[in-house]
Amino acid sequence: MNIKKNDTVKILTGKDKGKTGKVLQVLPAEDKVSIEGLNLLIKHMRPSRKGEKGQRIEFPAFIKASNVALICPSCGRQTRVAAKIVAGEKGNKKYRVCKKCQTVIE
């Protein structure tokens, strides 16, 4: 998966299409991401004690990683990601690279 926590992404499909946000959580096994303030769901909570009121909790739901595109921090455009392997002193290191401007994404 090419998307990591704290990346800025743009949603390509669904009710929040075209909006951008920061990735809060990534589930690589399920190929899903959670984005801050987007794809919000509402959960109704019953009161736990007598005399309390119930409440509505909004939380960002997971979205398939294929439905979001990474935004390059240097050029600011949505982009695909390439992998670049660089040989170093301690062995090979793999970097993510923007396909449009060819800069390394950290």
C-alpha atoms as a PDB file:
ATOM      1  CA  MET A   1       0.000   0.000   0.000  1.00  0.00           C
ATOM      2  CA  ASN A   2       1.410   3.386  -1.012  1.00  0.00           C
ATOM      3  CA  ILE A   3      -0.592   5.507   1.438  1.00  0.00           C
ATOM      4  CA  LYS A   4       0.679   6.011   4.966  1.00  0.00           C
ATOM      5  CA  LYS A   5      -0.466   7.765   8.136  1.00  0.00           C
ATOM      6  CA  ASN A   6      -0.322  11.616   8.019  1.00  0.00           C
ATOM      7  CA  ASP A   7      -0.328  11.702   4.176  1.00  0.00           C
ATOM      8  CA  THR A   8      -2.633  14.195   2.469  1.00  0.00           C
ATOM      9  CA  VAL A   9      -5.066  12.481   0.103  1.00  0.00           C
ATOM     10  CA  LYS A  10      -7.929  13.414  -2.220  1.00  0.00           C
ATOM     11  CA  ILE A  11     -11.122  11.347  -2.337  1.00  0.00           C
ATOM     12  CA  LEU A  12     -11.964  10.179  -5.878  1.00  0.00           C
ATOM     13  CA  THR A  13     -15.421   8.625  -5.358  1.00  0.00           C
ATOM     14  CA  GLY A  14     -18.411   8.774  -3.034  1.00  0.00           C
ATOM     15  CA  LYS A  15     -20.257  11.512  -1.164  1.00  0.00           C
ATOM     16  CA  ASP A  16     -17.027  13.426  -0.344  1.00  0.00           C
ATOM     17  CA  LYS A  17     -15.611  13.292  -3.893  1.00  0.00           C
ATOM     18  CA  GLY A  18     -13.015  16.009  -4.556  1.00  0.00           C
ATOM     19  CA  LYS A  19     -12.305  16.793  -0.893  1.00  0.00           C
ATOM     20  CA  THR A  20      -8.862  16.485   0.659  1.00  0.00           C
ATOM     21  CA  GLY A  21      -7.809  15.466   4.134  1.00  0.00           C
ATOM     22  CA  LYS A  22      -5.118  13.929   6.304  1.00  0.00           C
ATOM     23  CA  VAL A  23      -4.948  10.154   6.807  1.00  0.00           C
ATOM     24  CA  LEU A  24      -5.612   9.203  10.440  1.00  0.00           C
ATOM     25  CA  GLN A  25      -5.368   5.431  10.283  1.00  0.00           C
ATOM     26  CA  VAL A  26      -4.365   2.769   7.758  1.00  0.00           C
ATOM     27  CA  LEU A  27      -5.423  -0.887   7.646  1.00  0.00           C
ATOM     28  CA  PRO A  28      -3.029  -2.485   5.115  1.00  0.00           C
ATOM     29  CA  ALA A  29      -4.468  -6.001   5.520  1.00  0.00           C
ATOM     30  CA  GLU A  30      -7.939  -4.763   4.530  1.00  0.00           C
ATOM     31  CA  ASP A  31      -6.619  -2.079   2.107  1.00  0.00           C
ATOM     32  CA  LYS A  32      -8.562   0.714   3.860  1.00  0.00           C
ATOM     33  CA  VAL A  33      -7.796   4.215   5.168  1.00  0.00           C
ATOM     34  CA  SER A  34      -9.542   6.630   7.530  1.00  0.00           C
ATOM     35  CA  ILE A  35      -9.434  10.352   6.667  1.00  0.00           C
ATOM     36  CA  GLU A  36      -9.791  13.216   9.140  1.00  0.00           C
ATOM     37  CA  GLY A  37     -13.177  14.964   8.883  1.00  0.00           C
ATOM     38  CA  LEU A  38     -14.336  13.053   5.791  1.00  0.00           C
ATOM     39  CA  ASN A  39     -16.634  10.065   5.196  1.00  0.00           C
ATOM     40  CA  LEU A  40     -18.284  10.738   8.555  1.00  0.00           C
ATOM     41  CA  LEU A  41     -20.788   8.309  10.021  1.00  0.00           C
ATOM     42  CA  ILE A  42     -23.125   8.927  12.958  1.00  0.00           C
ATOM     43  CA  LYS A  43     -23.483   6.374  15.726  1.00  0.00           C
ATOM     44  CA  HIS A  44     -26.392   6.682  18.162  1.00  0.00           C
ATOM     45  CA  MET A  45     -25.395   5.812  21.734  1.00  0.00           C
ATOM     46  CA  ARG A  46     -27.974   4.836  24.323  1.00  0.00           C
ATOM     47  CA  PRO A  47     -27.729   6.317  27.802  1.00  0.00           C
ATOM     48  CA  SER A  48     -25.635   4.108  30.072  1.00  0.00           C
ATOM     49  CA  ARG A  49     -27.238   5.280  33.335  1.00  0.00           C
ATOM     50  CA  LYS A  50     -30.694   6.351  34.385  1.00  0.00           C
ATOM     51  CA  GLY A  51     -31.222  10.080  33.937  1.00  0.00           C
ATOM     52  CA  GLU A  52     -28.514  10.456  31.271  1.00  0.00           C
ATOM     53  CA  LYS A  53     -29.290  11.487  27.720  1.00  0.00           C
ATOM     54  CA  GLY A  54     -28.386   9.497  24.671  1.00  0.00           C
ATOM     55  CA  GLN A  55     -25.944  11.029  22.222  1.00  0.00           C
ATOM     56  CA  ARG A  56     -24.883  11.013  18.593  1.00  0.00           C
ATOM     57  CA  ILE A  57     -21.204  10.394  17.902  1.00  0.00           C
ATOM     58  CA  GLU A  58     -19.673  11.331  14.530  1.00  0.00           C
ATOM     59  CA  PHE A  59     -16.582   9.435  13.466  1.00  0.00           C
ATOM     60  CA  PRO A  60     -14.619   9.027  10.210  1.00  0.00           C
ATOM     61  CA  ALA A  61     -15.353   5.643   8.630  1.00  0.00           C
ATOM     62  CA  PHE A  62     -12.860   3.674   6.590  1.00  0.00           C
ATOM     63  CA  ILE A  63     -12.727   3.996   2.807  1.00  0.00           C
ATOM     64  CA  LYS A  64     -11.020   1.743   0.270  1.00  0.00           C
ATOM     65  CA  ALA A  65      -7.473   2.884  -0.489  1.00  0.00           C
ATOM     66  CA  SER A  66      -8.152   2.578  -4.234  1.00  0.00           C
ATOM     67  CA  ASN A  67     -10.734   5.374  -3.912  1.00  0.00           C
ATOM     68  CA  VAL A  68      -8.192   7.947  -2.724  1.00  0.00           C
ATOM     69  CA  ALA A  69      -5.193   9.537  -4.448  1.00  0.00           C
ATOM     70  CA  LEU A  70      -2.064  10.790  -2.740  1.00  0.00           C
ATOM     71  CA  ILE A  71      -1.303  14.520  -2.975  1.00  0.00           C
ATOM     72  CA  CYS A  72       2.394  15.212  -3.487  1.00  0.00           C
ATOM     73  CA  PRO A  73       3.752  17.537  -0.761  1.00  0.00           C
ATOM     74  CA  SER A  74       6.181  19.253  -3.151  1.00  0.00           C
ATOM     75  CA  CYS A  75       4.115  19.859  -6.317  1.00  0.00           C
ATOM     76  CA  GLY A  76       0.665  19.839  -4.632  1.00  0.00           C
ATOM     77  CA  ARG A  77      -1.041  17.719  -7.305  1.00  0.00           C
ATOM     78  CA  GLN A  78      -2.720  14.343  -6.980  1.00  0.00           C
ATOM     79  CA  THR A  79      -0.307  11.697  -8.151  1.00  0.00           C
ATOM     80  CA  ARG A  80       0.496   8.033  -8.447  1.00  0.00           C
ATOM     81  CA  VAL A  81       3.400   6.652  -6.456  1.00  0.00           C
ATOM     82  CA  ALA A  82       6.472   4.818  -7.707  1.00  0.00           C
ATOM     83  CA  ALA A  83       9.008   2.886  -5.654  1.00  0.00           C
ATOM     84  CA  LYS A  84      12.694   3.712  -5.882  1.00  0.00           C
ATOM     85  CA  ILE A  85      15.343   1.504  -4.292  1.00  0.00           C
ATOM     86  CA  VAL A  86      18.598   3.209  -3.295  1.00  0.00           C
ATOM     87  CA  ALA A  87      21.674   1.268  -2.189  1.00  0.00           C
ATOM     88  CA  GLY A  88      23.181   2.558   1.043  1.00  0.00           C
ATOM     89  CA  GLU A  89      25.745   1.621   3.672  1.00  0.00           C
ATOM     90  CA  LYS A  90      23.326  -0.525   5.692  1.00  0.00           C
ATOM     91  CA  GLY A  91      21.667  -2.102   2.655  1.00  0.00           C
ATOM     92  CA  ASN A  92      18.962  -1.127   0.230  1.00  0.00           C
ATOM     93  CA  LYS A  93      16.364   1.518   1.179  1.00  0.00           C
ATOM     94  CA  LYS A  94      12.982   1.821  -0.527  1.00  0.00           C
ATOM     95  CA  TYR A  95      11.484   5.295  -1.103  1.00  0.00           C
ATOM     96  CA  ARG A  96       8.144   6.511  -2.444  1.00  0.00           C
ATOM     97  CA  VAL A  97       8.512   8.817  -5.458  1.00  0.00           C
ATOM     98  CA  CYS A  98       5.979  11.181  -7.072  1.00  0.00           C
ATOM     99  CA  LYS A  99       5.301  10.146 -10.676  1.00  0.00           C
ATOM    100  CA  LYS A 100       4.767  13.747 -11.810  1.00  0.00           C
ATOM    101  CA  CYS A 101       7.656  15.699 -10.277  1.00  0.00           C
ATOM    102  CA  GLN A 102       9.992  12.766  -9.438  1.00  0.00           C
ATOM    103  CA  THR A 103      10.628  13.927  -5.844  1.00  0.00           C
ATOM    104  CA  VAL A 104      10.890  11.601  -2.865  1.00  0.00           C
ATOM    105  CA  ILE A 105       7.805  11.538  -0.622  1.00  0.00           C
ATOM    106  CA  GLU A 106       8.600  11.177   3.080  1.00  0.00           C
END
